[in-house]
Amino acid sequence: MSKLEKLLQRIKNNPKTVRFEELDKVLRREGYEPSQPRGGSSHYTYKKFGGRSITIPRQLPYVNECYVRDVLDTLGI
């Protein structure tokens, strides 16, 4: 099992304790391109050609569970 598969399994098993950097890594590996916020916003938008965009706020220490579930549903996991 690769590191990415282990990370995805951990995210799927416990979506309440997922850090922004972990979601960023998963989305980038799936081909999504991030666009950084401007003007004091904390929301990053990830876009993929032919796919829908995903917006995730950068929160510390963990990303809200609803955003994690949205990413999992979008990726089909």
PDB file of N, CA and C in Angstrom:
ATOM      1  N   MET A   1       0.853  -1.184   0.000  1.00  0.00           N
ATOM      2  CA  MET A   1       0.000   0.000   0.000  1.00  0.00           C
ATOM      3  C   MET A   1       0.895   1.242   0.000  1.00  0.00           C
ATOM      4  N   SER A   2       0.654   2.157  -0.906  1.00  0.00           N
ATOM      5  CA  SER A   2       1.475   3.357  -1.012  1.00  0.00           C
ATOM      6  C   SER A   2       1.120   4.372   0.078  1.00  0.00           C
ATOM      7  N   LYS A   3       1.960   5.380   0.208  1.00  0.00           N
ATOM      8  CA  LYS A   3       1.716   6.421   1.213  1.00  0.00           C
ATOM      9  C   LYS A   3       0.411   7.155   0.939  1.00  0.00           C
ATOM     10  N   LEU A   4       0.126   7.413  -0.349  1.00  0.00           N
ATOM     11  CA  LEU A   4      -1.109   8.105  -0.709  1.00  0.00           C
ATOM     12  C   LEU A   4      -2.338   7.262  -0.352  1.00  0.00           C
ATOM     13  N   GLU A   5      -2.264   5.969  -0.610  1.00  0.00           N
ATOM     14  CA  GLU A   5      -3.382   5.085  -0.261  1.00  0.00           C
ATOM     15  C   GLU A   5      -3.590   5.037   1.250  1.00  0.00           C
ATOM     16  N   LYS A   6      -2.505   5.011   2.004  1.00  0.00           N
ATOM     17  CA  LYS A   6      -2.609   5.019   3.467  1.00  0.00           C
ATOM     18  C   LYS A   6      -3.230   6.324   3.956  1.00  0.00           C
ATOM     19  N   LEU A   7      -2.813   7.438   3.354  1.00  0.00           N
ATOM     20  CA  LEU A   7      -3.359   8.742   3.724  1.00  0.00           C
ATOM     21  C   LEU A   7      -4.851   8.804   3.413  1.00  0.00           C
ATOM     22  N   LEU A   8      -5.247   8.337   2.230  1.00  0.00           N
ATOM     23  CA  LEU A   8      -6.666   8.336   1.862  1.00  0.00           C
ATOM     24  C   LEU A   8      -7.484   7.466   2.814  1.00  0.00           C
ATOM     25  N   GLN A   9      -6.939   6.326   3.189  1.00  0.00           N
ATOM     26  CA  GLN A   9      -7.649   5.435   4.120  1.00  0.00           C
ATOM     27  C   GLN A   9      -7.810   6.104   5.487  1.00  0.00           C
ATOM     28  N   ARG A  10      -6.768   6.788   5.957  1.00  0.00           N
ATOM     29  CA  ARG A  10      -6.852   7.471   7.246  1.00  0.00           C
ATOM     30  C   ARG A  10      -7.867   8.609   7.201  1.00  0.00           C
ATOM     31  N   ILE A  11      -7.889   9.348   6.083  1.00  0.00           N
ATOM     32  CA  ILE A  11      -8.848  10.442   5.927  1.00  0.00           C
ATOM     33  C   ILE A  11     -10.274   9.896   5.901  1.00  0.00           C
ATOM     34  N   LYS A  12     -10.462   8.799   5.192  1.00  0.00           N
ATOM     35  CA  LYS A  12     -11.789   8.191   5.086  1.00  0.00           C
ATOM     36  C   LYS A  12     -12.268   7.662   6.437  1.00  0.00           C
ATOM     37  N   ASN A  13     -11.366   7.074   7.213  1.00  0.00           N
ATOM     38  CA  ASN A  13     -11.739   6.504   8.510  1.00  0.00           C
ATOM     39  C   ASN A  13     -12.010   7.560   9.570  1.00  0.00           C
ATOM     40  N   ASN A  14     -11.329   8.697   9.495  1.00  0.00           N
ATOM     41  CA  ASN A  14     -11.494   9.726  10.520  1.00  0.00           C
ATOM     42  C   ASN A  14     -11.464  11.113   9.884  1.00  0.00           C
ATOM     43  N   PRO A  15     -12.579  11.559   9.276  1.00  0.00           N
ATOM     44  CA  PRO A  15     -12.578  12.852   8.578  1.00  0.00           C
ATOM     45  C   PRO A  15     -12.556  14.068   9.498  1.00  0.00           C
ATOM     46  N   LYS A  16     -12.636  13.868  10.802  1.00  0.00           N
ATOM     47  CA  LYS A  16     -12.636  15.010  11.726  1.00  0.00           C
ATOM     48  C   LYS A  16     -11.239  15.514  12.036  1.00  0.00           C
ATOM     49  N   THR A  17     -10.225  14.687  11.776  1.00  0.00           N
ATOM     50  CA  THR A  17      -8.850  15.087  12.111  1.00  0.00           C
ATOM     51  C   THR A  17      -7.978  15.119  10.859  1.00  0.00           C
ATOM     52  N   VAL A  18      -8.381  15.917   9.886  1.00  0.00           N
ATOM     53  CA  VAL A  18      -7.627  16.042   8.640  1.00  0.00           C
ATOM     54  C   VAL A  18      -7.078  17.461   8.552  1.00  0.00           C
ATOM     55  N   ARG A  19      -5.799  17.565   8.315  1.00  0.00           N
ATOM     56  CA  ARG A  19      -5.156  18.866   8.185  1.00  0.00           C
ATOM     57  C   ARG A  19      -5.270  19.370   6.743  1.00  0.00           C
ATOM     58  N   PHE A  20      -5.183  20.678   6.594  1.00  0.00           N
ATOM     59  CA  PHE A  20      -5.280  21.291   5.274  1.00  0.00           C
ATOM     60  C   PHE A  20      -4.199  20.754   4.340  1.00  0.00           C
ATOM     61  N   GLU A  21      -2.986  20.602   4.837  1.00  0.00           N
ATOM     62  CA  GLU A  21      -1.873  20.133   4.018  1.00  0.00           C
ATOM     63  C   GLU A  21      -2.138  18.739   3.466  1.00  0.00           C
ATOM     64  N   GLU A  22      -2.812  17.886   4.235  1.00  0.00           N
ATOM     65  CA  GLU A  22      -3.122  16.537   3.775  1.00  0.00           C
ATOM     66  C   GLU A  22      -4.137  16.566   2.629  1.00  0.00           C
ATOM     67  N   LEU A  23      -5.174  17.382   2.764  1.00  0.00           N
ATOM     68  CA  LEU A  23      -6.150  17.515   1.681  1.00  0.00           C
ATOM     69  C   LEU A  23      -5.501  18.128   0.450  1.00  0.00           C
ATOM     70  N   ASP A  24      -4.628  19.085   0.650  1.00  0.00           N
ATOM     71  CA  ASP A  24      -3.914  19.716  -0.455  1.00  0.00           C
ATOM     72  C   ASP A  24      -3.109  18.676  -1.230  1.00  0.00           C
ATOM     73  N   LYS A  25      -2.406  17.815  -0.520  1.00  0.00           N
ATOM     74  CA  LYS A  25      -1.591  16.785  -1.153  1.00  0.00           C
ATOM     75  C   LYS A  25      -2.464  15.828  -1.972  1.00  0.00           C
ATOM     76  N   VAL A  26      -3.594  15.401  -1.421  1.00  0.00           N
ATOM     77  CA  VAL A  26      -4.486  14.477  -2.119  1.00  0.00           C
ATOM     78  C   VAL A  26      -5.047  15.112  -3.385  1.00  0.00           C
ATOM     79  N   LEU A  27      -5.518  16.349  -3.275  1.00  0.00           N
ATOM     80  CA  LEU A  27      -6.121  17.016  -4.424  1.00  0.00           C
ATOM     81  C   LEU A  27      -5.089  17.277  -5.532  1.00  0.00           C
ATOM     82  N   ARG A  28      -3.883  17.664  -5.169  1.00  0.00           N
ATOM     83  CA  ARG A  28      -2.841  17.901  -6.175  1.00  0.00           C
ATOM     84  C   ARG A  28      -2.485  16.608  -6.903  1.00  0.00           C
ATOM     85  N   ARG A  29      -2.432  15.504  -6.176  1.00  0.00           N
ATOM     86  CA  ARG A  29      -2.116  14.210  -6.809  1.00  0.00           C
ATOM     87  C   ARG A  29      -3.232  13.742  -7.735  1.00  0.00           C
ATOM     88  N   GLU A  30      -4.450  14.186  -7.481  1.00  0.00           N
ATOM     89  CA  GLU A  30      -5.584  13.834  -8.339  1.00  0.00           C
ATOM     90  C   GLU A  30      -5.716  14.776  -9.539  1.00  0.00           C
ATOM     91  N   GLY A  31      -4.819  15.746  -9.665  1.00  0.00           N
ATOM     92  CA  GLY A  31      -4.801  16.621 -10.830  1.00  0.00           C
ATOM     93  C   GLY A  31      -5.470  17.963 -10.646  1.00  0.00           C
ATOM     94  N   TYR A  32      -5.833  18.315  -9.425  1.00  0.00           N
ATOM     95  CA  TYR A  32      -6.462  19.616  -9.161  1.00  0.00           C
ATOM     96  C   TYR A  32      -5.385  20.680  -8.995  1.00  0.00           C
ATOM     97  N   GLU A  33      -5.650  21.853  -9.520  1.00  0.00           N
ATOM     98  CA  GLU A  33      -4.741  22.989  -9.419  1.00  0.00           C
ATOM     99  C   GLU A  33      -5.319  23.991  -8.418  1.00  0.00           C
ATOM    100  N   PRO A  34      -4.521  24.392  -7.408  1.00  0.00           N
ATOM    101  CA  PRO A  34      -5.031  25.352  -6.423  1.00  0.00           C
ATOM    102  C   PRO A  34      -4.903  26.792  -6.896  1.00  0.00           C
ATOM    103  N   SER A  35      -5.823  27.617  -6.441  1.00  0.00           N
ATOM    104  CA  SER A  35      -5.681  29.056  -6.637  1.00  0.00           C
ATOM    105  C   SER A  35      -5.769  29.679  -5.251  1.00  0.00           C
ATOM    106  N   GLN A  36      -4.733  30.422  -4.900  1.00  0.00           N
ATOM    107  CA  GLN A  36      -4.629  30.976  -3.565  1.00  0.00           C
ATOM    108  C   GLN A  36      -5.559  32.163  -3.393  1.00  0.00           C
ATOM    109  N   PRO A  37      -6.005  32.369  -2.167  1.00  0.00           N
ATOM    110  CA  PRO A  37      -6.918  33.483  -1.907  1.00  0.00           C
ATOM    111  C   PRO A  37      -6.221  34.832  -2.016  1.00  0.00           C
ATOM    112  N   ARG A  38      -7.022  35.833  -2.305  1.00  0.00           N
ATOM    113  CA  ARG A  38      -6.517  37.210  -2.358  1.00  0.00           C
ATOM    114  C   ARG A  38      -7.335  38.062  -1.400  1.00  0.00           C
ATOM    115  N   GLY A  39      -6.748  39.095  -0.924  1.00  0.00           N
ATOM    116  CA  GLY A  39      -7.475  40.075  -0.124  1.00  0.00           C
ATOM    117  C   GLY A  39      -7.915  39.604   1.247  1.00  0.00           C
ATOM    118  N   GLY A  40      -7.119  38.779   1.901  1.00  0.00           N
ATOM    119  CA  GLY A  40      -7.425  38.398   3.267  1.00  0.00           C
ATOM    120  C   GLY A  40      -8.332  37.195   3.425  1.00  0.00           C
ATOM    121  N   SER A  41      -8.730  36.565   2.358  1.00  0.00           N
ATOM    122  CA  SER A  41      -9.580  35.383   2.440  1.00  0.00           C
ATOM    123  C   SER A  41      -8.746  34.162   2.819  1.00  0.00           C
ATOM    124  N   SER A  42      -9.373  33.164   3.410  1.00  0.00           N
ATOM    125  CA  SER A  42      -8.672  31.940   3.771  1.00  0.00           C
ATOM    126  C   SER A  42      -9.118  30.763   2.912  1.00  0.00           C
ATOM    127  N   HIS A  43      -9.959  31.018   1.908  1.00  0.00           N
ATOM    128  CA  HIS A  43     -10.521  29.944   1.093  1.00  0.00           C
ATOM    129  C   HIS A  43      -9.682  29.692  -0.160  1.00  0.00           C
ATOM    130  N   TYR A  44      -9.214  28.457  -0.298  1.00  0.00           N
ATOM    131  CA  TYR A  44      -8.480  28.020  -1.476  1.00  0.00           C
ATOM    132  C   TYR A  44      -9.461  27.318  -2.399  1.00  0.00           C
ATOM    133  N   THR A  45      -9.355  27.564  -3.709  1.00  0.00           N
ATOM    134  CA  THR A  45     -10.216  26.922  -4.686  1.00  0.00           C
ATOM    135  C   THR A  45      -9.366  26.007  -5.554  1.00  0.00           C
ATOM    136  N   TYR A  46      -9.792  24.756  -5.664  1.00  0.00           N
ATOM    137  CA  TYR A  46      -9.094  23.771  -6.476  1.00  0.00           C
ATOM    138  C   TYR A  46      -9.939  23.488  -7.708  1.00  0.00           C
ATOM    139  N   LYS A  47      -9.287  23.516  -8.882  1.00  0.00           N
ATOM    140  CA  LYS A  47      -9.994  23.293 -10.140  1.00  0.00           C
ATOM    141  C   LYS A  47      -9.277  22.216 -10.938  1.00  0.00           C
ATOM    142  N   LYS A  48     -10.082  21.457 -11.673  1.00  0.00           N
ATOM    143  CA  LYS A  48      -9.561  20.416 -12.549  1.00  0.00           C
ATOM    144  C   LYS A  48     -10.306  20.509 -13.869  1.00  0.00           C
ATOM    145  N   PHE A  49      -9.576  20.384 -14.965  1.00  0.00           N
ATOM    146  CA  PHE A  49     -10.207  20.468 -16.276  1.00  0.00           C
ATOM    147  C   PHE A  49     -11.253  19.357 -16.399  1.00  0.00           C
ATOM    148  N   GLY A  50     -12.477  19.740 -16.706  1.00  0.00           N
ATOM    149  CA  GLY A  50     -13.554  18.772 -16.855  1.00  0.00           C
ATOM    150  C   GLY A  50     -14.201  18.350 -15.546  1.00  0.00           C
ATOM    151  N   GLY A  51     -13.729  18.870 -14.440  1.00  0.00           N
ATOM    152  CA  GLY A  51     -14.290  18.530 -13.138  1.00  0.00           C
ATOM    153  C   GLY A  51     -14.832  19.767 -12.460  1.00  0.00           C
ATOM    154  N   ARG A  52     -15.519  19.550 -11.352  1.00  0.00           N
ATOM    155  CA  ARG A  52     -16.069  20.699 -10.634  1.00  0.00           C
ATOM    156  C   ARG A  52     -15.024  21.274  -9.688  1.00  0.00           C
ATOM    157  N   SER A  53     -15.193  22.519  -9.331  1.00  0.00           N
ATOM    158  CA  SER A  53     -14.239  23.157  -8.432  1.00  0.00           C
ATOM    159  C   SER A  53     -14.602  22.849  -6.982  1.00  0.00           C
ATOM    160  N   ILE A  54     -13.579  22.849  -6.143  1.00  0.00           N
ATOM    161  CA  ILE A  54     -13.740  22.561  -4.712  1.00  0.00           C
ATOM    162  C   ILE A  54     -13.133  23.724  -3.949  1.00  0.00           C
ATOM    163  N   THR A  55     -13.879  24.262  -2.996  1.00  0.00           N
ATOM    164  CA  THR A  55     -13.376  25.353  -2.160  1.00  0.00           C
ATOM    165  C   THR A  55     -13.189  24.842  -0.738  1.00  0.00           C
ATOM    166  N   ILE A  56     -11.992  25.094  -0.196  1.00  0.00           N
ATOM    167  CA  ILE A  56     -11.655  24.633   1.151  1.00  0.00           C
ATOM    168  C   ILE A  56     -11.037  25.788   1.932  1.00  0.00           C
ATOM    169  N   PRO A  57     -11.581  26.107   3.104  1.00  0.00           N
ATOM    170  CA  PRO A  57     -10.944  27.138   3.935  1.00  0.00           C
ATOM    171  C   PRO A  57      -9.754  26.549   4.698  1.00  0.00           C
ATOM    172  N   ARG A  58      -8.721  27.331   4.815  1.00  0.00           N
ATOM    173  CA  ARG A  58      -7.555  26.886   5.580  1.00  0.00           C
ATOM    174  C   ARG A  58      -7.811  27.210   7.045  1.00  0.00           C
ATOM    175  N   GLN A  59      -8.075  26.176   7.829  1.00  0.00           N
ATOM    176  CA  GLN A  59      -8.365  26.337   9.247  1.00  0.00           C
ATOM    177  C   GLN A  59      -7.339  25.565  10.050  1.00  0.00           C
ATOM    178  N   LEU A  60      -7.070  26.042  11.246  1.00  0.00           N
ATOM    179  CA  LEU A  60      -6.129  25.365  12.127  1.00  0.00           C
ATOM    180  C   LEU A  60      -6.856  24.821  13.336  1.00  0.00           C
ATOM    181  N   PRO A  61      -6.556  23.675  13.872  1.00  0.00           N
ATOM    182  CA  PRO A  61      -5.595  22.725  13.321  1.00  0.00           C
ATOM    183  C   PRO A  61      -6.202  21.805  12.258  1.00  0.00           C
ATOM    184  N   TYR A  62      -7.533  21.652  12.220  1.00  0.00           N
ATOM    185  CA  TYR A  62      -8.148  20.717  11.283  1.00  0.00           C
ATOM    186  C   TYR A  62      -9.190  21.404  10.404  1.00  0.00           C
ATOM    187  N   VAL A  63      -9.362  20.853   9.199  1.00  0.00           N
ATOM    188  CA  VAL A  63     -10.391  21.324   8.277  1.00  0.00           C
ATOM    189  C   VAL A  63     -11.729  20.764   8.749  1.00  0.00           C
ATOM    190  N   ASN A  64     -12.778  21.558   8.615  1.00  0.00           N
ATOM    191  CA  ASN A  64     -14.110  21.130   9.022  1.00  0.00           C
ATOM    192  C   ASN A  64     -14.509  19.853   8.281  1.00  0.00           C
ATOM    193  N   GLU A  65     -15.195  18.968   8.977  1.00  0.00           N
ATOM    194  CA  GLU A  65     -15.550  17.652   8.441  1.00  0.00           C
ATOM    195  C   GLU A  65     -16.384  17.724   7.159  1.00  0.00           C
ATOM    196  N   CYS A  66     -17.258  18.715   7.031  1.00  0.00           N
ATOM    197  CA  CYS A  66     -18.112  18.805   5.847  1.00  0.00           C
ATOM    198  C   CYS A  66     -17.289  19.041   4.579  1.00  0.00           C
ATOM    199  N   TYR A  67     -16.190  19.780   4.681  1.00  0.00           N
ATOM    200  CA  TYR A  67     -15.322  20.010   3.524  1.00  0.00           C
ATOM    201  C   TYR A  67     -14.560  18.734   3.157  1.00  0.00           C
ATOM    202  N   VAL A  68     -14.154  17.978   4.172  1.00  0.00           N
ATOM    203  CA  VAL A  68     -13.446  16.724   3.932  1.00  0.00           C
ATOM    204  C   VAL A  68     -14.377  15.740   3.229  1.00  0.00           C
ATOM    205  N   ARG A  69     -15.602  15.646   3.691  1.00  0.00           N
ATOM    206  CA  ARG A  69     -16.576  14.738   3.061  1.00  0.00           C
ATOM    207  C   ARG A  69     -16.875  15.169   1.626  1.00  0.00           C
ATOM    208  N   ASP A  70     -16.905  16.462   1.375  1.00  0.00           N
ATOM    209  CA  ASP A  70     -17.129  16.969   0.031  1.00  0.00           C
ATOM    210  C   ASP A  70     -15.997  16.527  -0.904  1.00  0.00           C
ATOM    211  N   VAL A  71     -14.753  16.600  -0.431  1.00  0.00           N
ATOM    212  CA  VAL A  71     -13.612  16.161  -1.224  1.00  0.00           C
ATOM    213  C   VAL A  71     -13.707  14.661  -1.487  1.00  0.00           C
ATOM    214  N   LEU A  72     -14.028  13.874  -0.468  1.00  0.00           N
ATOM    215  CA  LEU A  72     -14.147  12.436  -0.631  1.00  0.00           C
ATOM    216  C   LEU A  72     -15.242  12.078  -1.639  1.00  0.00           C
ATOM    217  N   ASP A  73     -16.371  12.765  -1.572  1.00  0.00           N
ATOM    218  CA  ASP A  73     -17.453  12.508  -2.520  1.00  0.00           C
ATOM    219  C   ASP A  73     -17.057  12.893  -3.937  1.00  0.00           C
ATOM    220  N   THR A  74     -16.369  14.001  -4.088  1.00  0.00           N
ATOM    221  CA  THR A  74     -15.931  14.454  -5.407  1.00  0.00           C
ATOM    222  C   THR A  74     -14.938  13.476  -6.030  1.00  0.00           C
ATOM    223  N   LEU A  75     -14.045  12.940  -5.205  1.00  0.00           N
ATOM    224  CA  LEU A  75     -13.049  11.998  -5.705  1.00  0.00           C
ATOM    225  C   LEU A  75     -13.599  10.588  -5.847  1.00  0.00           C
ATOM    226  N   GLY A  76     -14.787  10.348  -5.330  1.00  0.00           N
ATOM    227  CA  GLY A  76     -15.393   9.025  -5.436  1.00  0.00           C
ATOM    228  C   GLY A  76     -14.803   8.012  -4.489  1.00  0.00           C
ATOM    229  N   ILE A  77     -14.403   8.460  -3.324  1.00  0.00           N
ATOM    230  CA  ILE A  77     -13.780   7.573  -2.333  1.00  0.00           C
ATOM    231  C   ILE A  77     -14.789   7.203  -1.278  1.00  0.00           C
TER     232      ILE A  77
END
